[in-house]
Amino acid sequence: MGAIQIEHVAIWVRDLERVRQFYVAMLGAKSGTPYQNPCTGFRSIFVSFDDGARVELMCQSGQIQGQSEPSGFGYAHLALSLGTRAAVDGTVARLESQGVVVLSRPRVTGDGYYEAALADPEGNRIELVA
């Protein structure tokens, strides 16, 4: 496995635009392009800082079939970049064989990531991305 780097941290927010404006106006972040899934009511936007650090701001109106609303607001997940799709696939296979809970298998998401999600020993969500 190659070098792992934090890709982004995601947080649930109630007012996406208000929080985006805070990060831009108060903290000097640059705003990315908003993403919206009209079927689920999920919306997100990335804000980035000069050193490359990124925060994904996420909100959800409505409910995804078979899933409950976000359990709270704040931390949602930590995304780790593994660099390639092959690295994501191989790491998921290795971790799953060692008993790590895989929450979602590798796939291309609606916002263009190749990712898989797993749970750490306390159930915190970690996304592995290419």
Protein backbone atom coordinates (compact mmCIF):
# COMPACT_ATOMS: atom_id res chain seq x y z
CA MET A 1 0.00 0.00 0.00
CA GLY A 2 1.30 3.46 -0.90
CA ALA A 3 1.17 6.64 1.12
CA ILE A 4 -2.17 7.44 2.71
CA GLN A 5 -3.26 11.03 2.92
CA ILE A 6 -6.34 12.65 4.43
CA GLU A 7 -8.53 13.49 1.44
CA HIS A 8 -11.19 15.38 3.37
CA VAL A 9 -13.27 15.50 6.54
CA ALA A 10 -17.04 15.76 6.25
CA ILE A 11 -19.54 17.36 8.59
CA TRP A 12 -23.33 17.45 8.63
CA VAL A 13 -24.81 20.93 8.74
CA ARG A 14 -28.34 22.27 8.92
CA ASP A 15 -27.83 25.35 6.70
CA LEU A 16 -25.40 24.52 3.92
CA GLU A 17 -25.15 28.03 2.49
CA ARG A 18 -24.70 29.74 5.84
CA VAL A 19 -21.90 27.38 6.86
CA ARG A 20 -20.27 27.63 3.41
CA GLN A 21 -20.27 31.43 3.69
CA PHE A 22 -18.66 31.18 7.15
CA TYR A 23 -15.79 29.03 5.85
CA VAL A 24 -15.25 31.37 2.88
CA ALA A 25 -15.68 34.76 4.58
CA MET A 26 -14.26 34.02 8.02
CA LEU A 27 -11.64 31.34 7.33
CA GLY A 28 -10.54 32.18 3.79
CA ALA A 29 -11.63 28.91 2.20
CA LYS A 30 -12.43 28.62 -1.47
CA SER A 31 -15.86 27.24 -2.33
CA GLY A 32 -16.26 24.35 -4.74
CA THR A 33 -19.22 23.51 -6.96
CA PRO A 34 -22.37 22.42 -5.12
CA TYR A 35 -23.54 18.83 -5.60
CA GLN A 36 -27.17 17.78 -5.26
CA ASN A 37 -28.91 14.43 -5.57
CA PRO A 38 -32.53 15.32 -6.41
CA CYS A 39 -33.74 11.79 -5.62
CA THR A 40 -32.48 11.77 -2.03
CA GLY A 41 -32.38 15.45 -1.07
CA PHE A 42 -28.66 15.13 -0.29
CA ARG A 43 -26.59 18.25 -0.97
CA SER A 44 -22.91 18.92 -0.39
CA ILE A 45 -20.17 21.37 -1.19
CA PHE A 46 -16.44 21.21 -0.61
CA VAL A 47 -14.50 24.14 0.77
CA SER A 48 -10.73 24.10 0.41
CA PHE A 49 -7.81 25.88 1.97
CA ASP A 50 -4.54 27.03 0.42
CA ASP A 51 -2.62 24.02 1.73
CA GLY A 52 -5.05 21.64 -0.01
CA ALA A 53 -7.06 20.64 3.08
CA ARG A 54 -10.75 20.18 2.29
CA VAL A 55 -13.96 20.00 4.30
CA GLU A 56 -17.15 18.53 2.82
CA LEU A 57 -20.23 20.32 4.12
CA MET A 58 -23.31 18.09 3.82
CA CYS A 59 -27.02 18.40 4.45
CA GLN A 60 -30.01 16.20 3.79
CA SER A 61 -33.63 17.14 3.34
CA GLY A 62 -36.01 14.24 3.28
CA GLN A 63 -35.07 10.65 3.85
CA ILE A 64 -33.25 8.10 1.72
CA GLN A 65 -35.34 4.95 1.39
CA GLY A 66 -34.16 2.41 3.94
CA GLN A 67 -32.00 4.87 5.84
CA SER A 68 -32.73 7.18 8.71
CA GLU A 69 -31.96 10.86 8.79
CA PRO A 70 -28.44 11.76 9.89
CA SER A 71 -28.19 10.94 13.59
CA GLY A 72 -26.85 14.35 14.44
CA PHE A 73 -24.85 17.18 13.12
CA GLY A 74 -21.11 17.47 13.11
CA TYR A 75 -18.62 14.76 12.16
CA ALA A 76 -19.78 12.54 9.31
CA HIS A 77 -16.69 10.76 7.98
CA LEU A 78 -12.96 10.87 7.41
CA ALA A 79 -11.90 10.24 3.80
CA LEU A 80 -8.45 8.76 3.17
CA SER A 81 -6.95 8.92 -0.32
CA LEU A 82 -5.16 5.73 -1.33
CA GLY A 83 -4.26 7.06 -4.77
CA THR A 84 -5.69 4.44 -7.13
CA ARG A 85 -8.77 2.29 -7.61
CA ALA A 86 -6.58 -0.80 -7.33
CA ALA A 87 -5.34 0.39 -3.94
CA VAL A 88 -8.92 0.93 -2.75
CA ASP A 89 -9.99 -2.51 -3.99
CA GLY A 90 -6.97 -4.26 -2.47
CA THR A 91 -7.22 -2.46 0.86
CA VAL A 92 -10.93 -3.23 1.19
CA ALA A 93 -10.30 -6.92 0.44
CA ARG A 94 -7.44 -7.08 2.97
CA LEU A 95 -9.35 -5.27 5.72
CA GLU A 96 -12.52 -7.29 5.14
CA SER A 97 -10.52 -10.54 5.40
CA GLN A 98 -9.28 -9.30 8.79
CA GLY A 99 -12.81 -8.74 10.05
CA VAL A 100 -13.19 -5.00 9.46
CA VAL A 101 -16.82 -4.02 8.81
CA VAL A 102 -17.25 -2.82 5.22
CA LEU A 103 -20.20 -0.41 5.02
CA SER A 104 -20.16 0.01 1.25
CA ARG A 105 -18.16 -1.78 -1.42
CA PRO A 106 -15.95 0.14 -3.88
CA ARG A 107 -18.00 2.11 -6.40
CA VAL A 108 -18.21 5.41 -8.26
CA THR A 109 -20.44 7.80 -6.35
CA GLY A 110 -22.80 10.41 -7.75
CA ASP A 111 -20.25 13.14 -7.12
CA GLY A 112 -17.51 11.24 -8.97
CA TYR A 113 -15.48 9.58 -6.24
CA TYR A 114 -14.31 5.99 -6.45
CA GLU A 115 -14.80 5.01 -2.84
CA ALA A 116 -15.59 2.36 -0.29
CA ALA A 117 -16.63 2.92 3.31
CA LEU A 118 -15.72 0.98 6.42
CA ALA A 119 -16.23 1.31 10.15
CA ASP A 120 -13.47 1.67 12.70
CA PRO A 121 -13.77 -0.39 15.92
CA GLU A 122 -16.15 2.19 17.44
CA GLY A 123 -18.32 2.51 14.34
CA ASN A 124 -16.88 5.76 12.97
CA ARG A 125 -17.18 5.95 9.18
CA ILE A 126 -13.97 6.02 7.13
CA GLU A 127 -14.08 6.41 3.36
CA LEU A 128 -11.25 5.04 1.25
CA VAL A 129 -11.01 6.96 -2.04
CA ALA A 130 -8.89 6.79 -5.19
